[in-house]
């Protein structure tokens, strides 16, 4: 007799598990709003980092003149 094929199921990542819980607790609009808010936070952080780098560049340029 031949053994039945083994099926490997991927264990969901922590992020996948959080999204599953999120989908149970929040309506679609709330999920979208939260994701949009988080995207805005990440974009604000990126812009702040860019401002700091630009400020450092200008300060170094002024010191070198």
PDB file of N, CA and C in Angstrom:
ATOM      1  N   UNK A   1       0.835  -1.190   0.000  1.00  0.00           N
ATOM      2  CA  UNK A   1       0.000   0.000   0.000  1.00  0.00           C
ATOM      3  C   UNK A   1       0.871   1.242   0.000  1.00  0.00           C
ATOM      4  N   UNK A   2       0.344   2.217  -0.649  1.00  0.00           N
ATOM      5  CA  UNK A   2       1.058   3.477  -0.752  1.00  0.00           C
ATOM      6  C   UNK A   2       0.496   4.459   0.285  1.00  0.00           C
ATOM      7  N   UNK A   3       1.404   5.207   0.928  1.00  0.00           N
ATOM      8  CA  UNK A   3       0.975   6.188   1.921  1.00  0.00           C
ATOM      9  C   UNK A   3       0.352   7.383   1.211  1.00  0.00           C
ATOM     10  N   UNK A   4      -0.641   7.990   1.813  1.00  0.00           N
ATOM     11  CA  UNK A   4      -1.242   9.172   1.192  1.00  0.00           C
ATOM     12  C   UNK A   4      -0.232  10.317   1.183  1.00  0.00           C
ATOM     13  N   UNK A   5      -0.327  11.193   0.181  1.00  0.00           N
ATOM     14  CA  UNK A   5       0.615  12.312   0.107  1.00  0.00           C
ATOM     15  C   UNK A   5       0.475  13.227   1.330  1.00  0.00           C
ATOM     16  N   UNK A   6       1.597  13.744   1.758  1.00  0.00           N
ATOM     17  CA  UNK A   6       1.602  14.654   2.895  1.00  0.00           C
ATOM     18  C   UNK A   6       1.417  16.069   2.368  1.00  0.00           C
ATOM     19  N   UNK A   7       0.525  16.785   2.993  1.00  0.00           N
ATOM     20  CA  UNK A   7       0.284  18.177   2.591  1.00  0.00           C
ATOM     21  C   UNK A   7       0.906  19.094   3.630  1.00  0.00           C
ATOM     22  N   UNK A   8       1.788  19.923   3.172  1.00  0.00           N
ATOM     23  CA  UNK A   8       2.413  20.890   4.071  1.00  0.00           C
ATOM     24  C   UNK A   8       1.616  22.183   4.015  1.00  0.00           C
ATOM     25  N   UNK A   9       1.190  22.635   5.162  1.00  0.00           N
ATOM     26  CA  UNK A   9       0.499  23.919   5.219  1.00  0.00           C
ATOM     27  C   UNK A   9       1.425  24.924   5.877  1.00  0.00           C
ATOM     28  N   UNK A  10       1.528  26.060   5.267  1.00  0.00           N
ATOM     29  CA  UNK A  10       2.416  27.104   5.781  1.00  0.00           C
ATOM     30  C   UNK A  10       1.840  27.675   7.070  1.00  0.00           C
ATOM     31  N   UNK A  11       2.701  27.884   8.032  1.00  0.00           N
ATOM     32  CA  UNK A  11       2.289  28.527   9.271  1.00  0.00           C
ATOM     33  C   UNK A  11       2.191  30.022   8.981  1.00  0.00           C
ATOM     34  N   UNK A  12       1.054  30.618   9.318  1.00  0.00           N
ATOM     35  CA  UNK A  12       0.913  32.044   9.010  1.00  0.00           C
ATOM     36  C   UNK A  12       1.905  32.874   9.809  1.00  0.00           C
ATOM     37  N   UNK A  13       2.346  33.944   9.205  1.00  0.00           N
ATOM     38  CA  UNK A  13       3.275  34.843   9.887  1.00  0.00           C
ATOM     39  C   UNK A  13       2.513  35.617  10.959  1.00  0.00           C
ATOM     40  N   UNK A  14       3.256  36.272  11.823  1.00  0.00           N
ATOM     41  CA  UNK A  14       2.653  37.080  12.869  1.00  0.00           C
ATOM     42  C   UNK A  14       1.793  38.180  12.253  1.00  0.00           C
ATOM     43  N   UNK A  15       2.295  38.771  11.170  1.00  0.00           N
ATOM     44  CA  UNK A  15       1.548  39.828  10.484  1.00  0.00           C
ATOM     45  C   UNK A  15       0.231  39.287   9.940  1.00  0.00           C
ATOM     46  N   UNK A  16       0.287  38.103   9.342  1.00  0.00           N
ATOM     47  CA  UNK A  16      -0.936  37.495   8.808  1.00  0.00           C
ATOM     48  C   UNK A  16      -1.947  37.242   9.929  1.00  0.00           C
ATOM     49  N   UNK A  17      -1.450  36.780  11.069  1.00  0.00           N
ATOM     50  CA  UNK A  17      -2.333  36.518  12.204  1.00  0.00           C
ATOM     51  C   UNK A  17      -2.967  37.814  12.707  1.00  0.00           C
ATOM     52  N   UNK A  18      -2.167  38.879  12.787  1.00  0.00           N
ATOM     53  CA  UNK A  18      -2.718  40.167  13.224  1.00  0.00           C
ATOM     54  C   UNK A  18      -3.770  40.685  12.257  1.00  0.00           C
ATOM     55  N   UNK A  19      -3.514  40.521  10.978  1.00  0.00           N
ATOM     56  CA  UNK A  19      -4.499  40.982   9.984  1.00  0.00           C
ATOM     57  C   UNK A  19      -5.791  40.180  10.067  1.00  0.00           C
ATOM     58  N   UNK A  20      -5.670  38.890  10.374  1.00  0.00           N
ATOM     59  CA  UNK A  20      -6.868  38.072  10.519  1.00  0.00           C
ATOM     60  C   UNK A  20      -7.690  38.539  11.716  1.00  0.00           C
ATOM     61  N   UNK A  21      -7.030  38.809  12.823  1.00  0.00           N
ATOM     62  CA  UNK A  21      -7.733  39.315  14.005  1.00  0.00           C
ATOM     63  C   UNK A  21      -8.335  40.678  13.708  1.00  0.00           C
ATOM     64  N   UNK A  22      -7.558  41.515  13.027  1.00  0.00           N
ATOM     65  CA  UNK A  22      -8.031  42.849  12.663  1.00  0.00           C
ATOM     66  C   UNK A  22      -9.299  42.757  11.824  1.00  0.00           C
ATOM     67  N   UNK A  23      -9.326  41.829  10.880  1.00  0.00           N
ATOM     68  CA  UNK A  23     -10.491  41.716  10.002  1.00  0.00           C
ATOM     69  C   UNK A  23     -11.722  41.256  10.767  1.00  0.00           C
ATOM     70  N   UNK A  24     -11.524  40.494  11.839  1.00  0.00           N
ATOM     71  CA  UNK A  24     -12.654  40.070  12.652  1.00  0.00           C
ATOM     72  C   UNK A  24     -13.183  41.207  13.524  1.00  0.00           C
ATOM     73  N   UNK A  25     -12.285  42.058  13.999  1.00  0.00           N
ATOM     74  CA  UNK A  25     -12.675  43.092  14.952  1.00  0.00           C
ATOM     75  C   UNK A  25     -13.108  44.401  14.315  1.00  0.00           C
ATOM     76  N   UNK A  26     -12.616  44.685  13.130  1.00  0.00           N
ATOM     77  CA  UNK A  26     -12.894  45.980  12.503  1.00  0.00           C
ATOM     78  C   UNK A  26     -13.642  45.810  11.201  1.00  0.00           C
ATOM     79  N   UNK A  27     -14.461  46.805  10.910  1.00  0.00           N
ATOM     80  CA  UNK A  27     -15.112  46.789   9.607  1.00  0.00           C
ATOM     81  C   UNK A  27     -14.094  47.219   8.552  1.00  0.00           C
ATOM     82  N   UNK A  28     -14.425  47.041   7.299  1.00  0.00           N
ATOM     83  CA  UNK A  28     -13.502  47.361   6.212  1.00  0.00           C
ATOM     84  C   UNK A  28     -13.042  48.801   6.213  1.00  0.00           C
ATOM     85  N   UNK A  29     -13.952  49.730   6.488  1.00  0.00           N
ATOM     86  CA  UNK A  29     -13.589  51.142   6.495  1.00  0.00           C
ATOM     87  C   UNK A  29     -12.600  51.477   7.589  1.00  0.00           C
ATOM     88  N   UNK A  30     -12.778  50.874   8.759  1.00  0.00           N
ATOM     89  CA  UNK A  30     -11.847  51.124   9.861  1.00  0.00           C
ATOM     90  C   UNK A  30     -10.470  50.571   9.537  1.00  0.00           C
ATOM     91  N   UNK A  31     -10.427  49.407   8.922  1.00  0.00           N
ATOM     92  CA  UNK A  31      -9.139  48.808   8.527  1.00  0.00           C
ATOM     93  C   UNK A  31      -8.409  49.716   7.557  1.00  0.00           C
ATOM     94  N   UNK A  32      -9.158  50.199   6.571  1.00  0.00           N
ATOM     95  CA  UNK A  32      -8.558  51.074   5.564  1.00  0.00           C
ATOM     96  C   UNK A  32      -8.048  52.358   6.213  1.00  0.00           C
ATOM     97  N   UNK A  33      -8.829  52.928   7.099  1.00  0.00           N
ATOM     98  CA  UNK A  33      -8.417  54.162   7.768  1.00  0.00           C
ATOM     99  C   UNK A  33      -7.158  53.930   8.600  1.00  0.00           C
ATOM    100  N   UNK A  34      -7.088  52.807   9.295  1.00  0.00           N
ATOM    101  CA  UNK A  34      -5.924  52.521  10.121  1.00  0.00           C
ATOM    102  C   UNK A  34      -4.684  52.330   9.261  1.00  0.00           C
ATOM    103  N   UNK A  35      -4.842  51.610   8.163  1.00  0.00           N
ATOM    104  CA  UNK A  35      -3.705  51.405   7.257  1.00  0.00           C
ATOM    105  C   UNK A  35      -3.255  52.719   6.629  1.00  0.00           C
ATOM    106  N   UNK A  36      -4.214  53.555   6.262  1.00  0.00           N
ATOM    107  CA  UNK A  36      -3.859  54.863   5.705  1.00  0.00           C
ATOM    108  C   UNK A  36      -3.122  55.712   6.739  1.00  0.00           C
ATOM    109  N   UNK A  37      -3.583  55.651   7.981  1.00  0.00           N
ATOM    110  CA  UNK A  37      -2.928  56.414   9.045  1.00  0.00           C
ATOM    111  C   UNK A  37      -1.503  55.914   9.249  1.00  0.00           C
ATOM    112  N   UNK A  38      -1.311  54.607   9.242  1.00  0.00           N
ATOM    113  CA  UNK A  38       0.031  54.056   9.438  1.00  0.00           C
ATOM    114  C   UNK A  38       0.939  54.432   8.267  1.00  0.00           C
ATOM    115  N   UNK A  39       0.415  54.402   7.068  1.00  0.00           N
ATOM    116  CA  UNK A  39       1.188  54.812   5.900  1.00  0.00           C
ATOM    117  C   UNK A  39       1.606  56.273   6.039  1.00  0.00           C
ATOM    118  N   UNK A  40       0.719  57.109   6.545  1.00  0.00           N
ATOM    119  CA  UNK A  40       1.051  58.517   6.760  1.00  0.00           C
ATOM    120  C   UNK A  40       2.152  58.673   7.798  1.00  0.00           C
ATOM    121  N   UNK A  41       2.091  57.881   8.869  1.00  0.00           N
ATOM    122  CA  UNK A  41       3.128  57.930   9.900  1.00  0.00           C
ATOM    123  C   UNK A  41       4.484  57.566   9.295  1.00  0.00           C
ATOM    124  N   UNK A  42       4.512  56.498   8.510  1.00  0.00           N
ATOM    125  CA  UNK A  42       5.771  56.081   7.891  1.00  0.00           C
ATOM    126  C   UNK A  42       6.307  57.140   6.934  1.00  0.00           C
ATOM    127  N   UNK A  43       5.412  57.761   6.189  1.00  0.00           N
ATOM    128  CA  UNK A  43       5.829  58.809   5.257  1.00  0.00           C
ATOM    129  C   UNK A  43       6.347  60.032   6.017  1.00  0.00           C
ATOM    130  N   UNK A  44       5.697  60.396   7.122  1.00  0.00           N
ATOM    131  CA  UNK A  44       6.169  61.517   7.944  1.00  0.00           C
ATOM    132  C   UNK A  44       7.556  61.228   8.500  1.00  0.00           C
ATOM    133  N   UNK A  45       7.786  60.000   8.930  1.00  0.00           N
ATOM    134  CA  UNK A  45       9.105  59.628   9.448  1.00  0.00           C
ATOM    135  C   UNK A  45      10.169  59.733   8.359  1.00  0.00           C
ATOM    136  N   UNK A  46       9.811  59.310   7.149  1.00  0.00           N
ATOM    137  CA  UNK A  46      10.766  59.377   6.047  1.00  0.00           C
ATOM    138  C   UNK A  46      11.110  60.830   5.734  1.00  0.00           C
ATOM    139  N   UNK A  47      10.086  61.686   5.700  1.00  0.00           N
ATOM    140  CA  UNK A  47      10.331  63.109   5.430  1.00  0.00           C
ATOM    141  C   UNK A  47      11.168  63.743   6.530  1.00  0.00           C
ATOM    142  N   UNK A  48      10.911  63.371   7.781  1.00  0.00           N
ATOM    143  CA  UNK A  48      11.700  63.917   8.893  1.00  0.00           C
ATOM    144  C   UNK A  48      13.157  63.490   8.767  1.00  0.00           C
ATOM    145  N   UNK A  49      13.387  62.245   8.398  1.00  0.00           N
ATOM    146  CA  UNK A  49      14.759  61.759   8.200  1.00  0.00           C
ATOM    147  C   UNK A  49      15.438  62.533   7.065  1.00  0.00           C
ATOM    148  N   UNK A  50      14.699  62.756   5.978  1.00  0.00           N
ATOM    149  CA  UNK A  50      15.248  63.519   4.857  1.00  0.00           C
ATOM    150  C   UNK A  50      15.594  64.944   5.281  1.00  0.00           C
ATOM    151  N   UNK A  51      14.729  65.580   6.105  1.00  0.00           N
ATOM    152  CA  UNK A  51      15.014  66.938   6.583  1.00  0.00           C
ATOM    153  C   UNK A  51      16.285  66.980   7.420  1.00  0.00           C
ATOM    154  N   UNK A  52      16.442  65.989   8.303  1.00  0.00           N
ATOM    155  CA  UNK A  52      17.646  65.939   9.147  1.00  0.00           C
ATOM    156  C   UNK A  52      18.886  65.770   8.282  1.00  0.00           C
ATOM    157  N   UNK A  53      18.821  64.889   7.301  1.00  0.00           N
ATOM    158  CA  UNK A  53      19.973  64.685   6.412  1.00  0.00           C
ATOM    159  C   UNK A  53      20.296  65.954   5.627  1.00  0.00           C
ATOM    160  N   UNK A  54      19.268  66.650   5.137  1.00  0.00           N
ATOM    161  CA  UNK A  54      19.494  67.887   4.388  1.00  0.00           C
ATOM    162  C   UNK A  54      20.104  68.956   5.300  1.00  0.00           C
ATOM    163  N   UNK A  55      19.599  69.052   6.529  1.00  0.00           N
ATOM    164  CA  UNK A  55      20.136  70.033   7.467  1.00  0.00           C
ATOM    165  C   UNK A  55      21.608  69.755   7.752  1.00  0.00           C
ATOM    166  N   UNK A  56      21.954  68.509   7.953  1.00  0.00           N
ATOM    167  CA  UNK A  56      23.354  68.144   8.198  1.00  0.00           C
ATOM    168  C   UNK A  56      24.225  68.477   6.992  1.00  0.00           C
ATOM    169  N   UNK A  57      23.704  68.228   5.803  1.00  0.00           N
ATOM    170  CA  UNK A  57      24.446  68.534   4.581  1.00  0.00           C
ATOM    171  C   UNK A  57      24.733  70.030   4.484  1.00  0.00           C
ATOM    172  N   UNK A  58      23.681  70.847   4.735  1.00  0.00           N
ATOM    173  CA  UNK A  58      23.859  72.301   4.651  1.00  0.00           C
ATOM    174  C   UNK A  58      24.842  72.791   5.714  1.00  0.00           C
ATOM    175  N   UNK A  59      24.766  72.211   6.909  1.00  0.00           N
ATOM    176  CA  UNK A  59      25.700  72.621   7.974  1.00  0.00           C
ATOM    177  C   UNK A  59      27.133  72.267   7.615  1.00  0.00           C
ATOM    178  N   UNK A  60      27.327  71.080   7.034  1.00  0.00           N
ATOM    179  CA  UNK A  60      28.686  70.691   6.608  1.00  0.00           C
ATOM    180  C   UNK A  60      29.179  71.582   5.482  1.00  0.00           C
ATOM    181  N   UNK A  61      28.273  71.932   4.553  1.00  0.00           N
ATOM    182  CA  UNK A  61      28.647  72.801   3.435  1.00  0.00           C
ATOM    183  C   UNK A  61      29.047  74.184   3.934  1.00  0.00           C
ATOM    184  N   UNK A  62      28.319  74.693   4.907  1.00  0.00           N
ATOM    185  CA  UNK A  62      28.618  76.022   5.446  1.00  0.00           C
ATOM    186  C   UNK A  62      29.929  76.014   6.200  1.00  0.00           C
ATOM    187  N   UNK A  63      30.240  74.925   6.880  1.00  0.00           N
ATOM    188  CA  UNK A  63      31.503  74.822   7.634  1.00  0.00           C
ATOM    189  C   UNK A  63      32.701  74.725   6.682  1.00  0.00           C
ATOM    190  N   UNK A  64      32.490  74.133   5.520  1.00  0.00           N
ATOM    191  CA  UNK A  64      33.590  73.934   4.573  1.00  0.00           C
ATOM    192  C   UNK A  64      33.919  75.177   3.756  1.00  0.00           C
ATOM    193  N   UNK A  65      33.063  76.161   3.736  1.00  0.00           N
ATOM    194  CA  UNK A  65      33.273  77.361   2.911  1.00  0.00           C
ATOM    195  C   UNK A  65      34.303  78.284   3.494  1.00  0.00           C
TER     196      UNK A  65
END
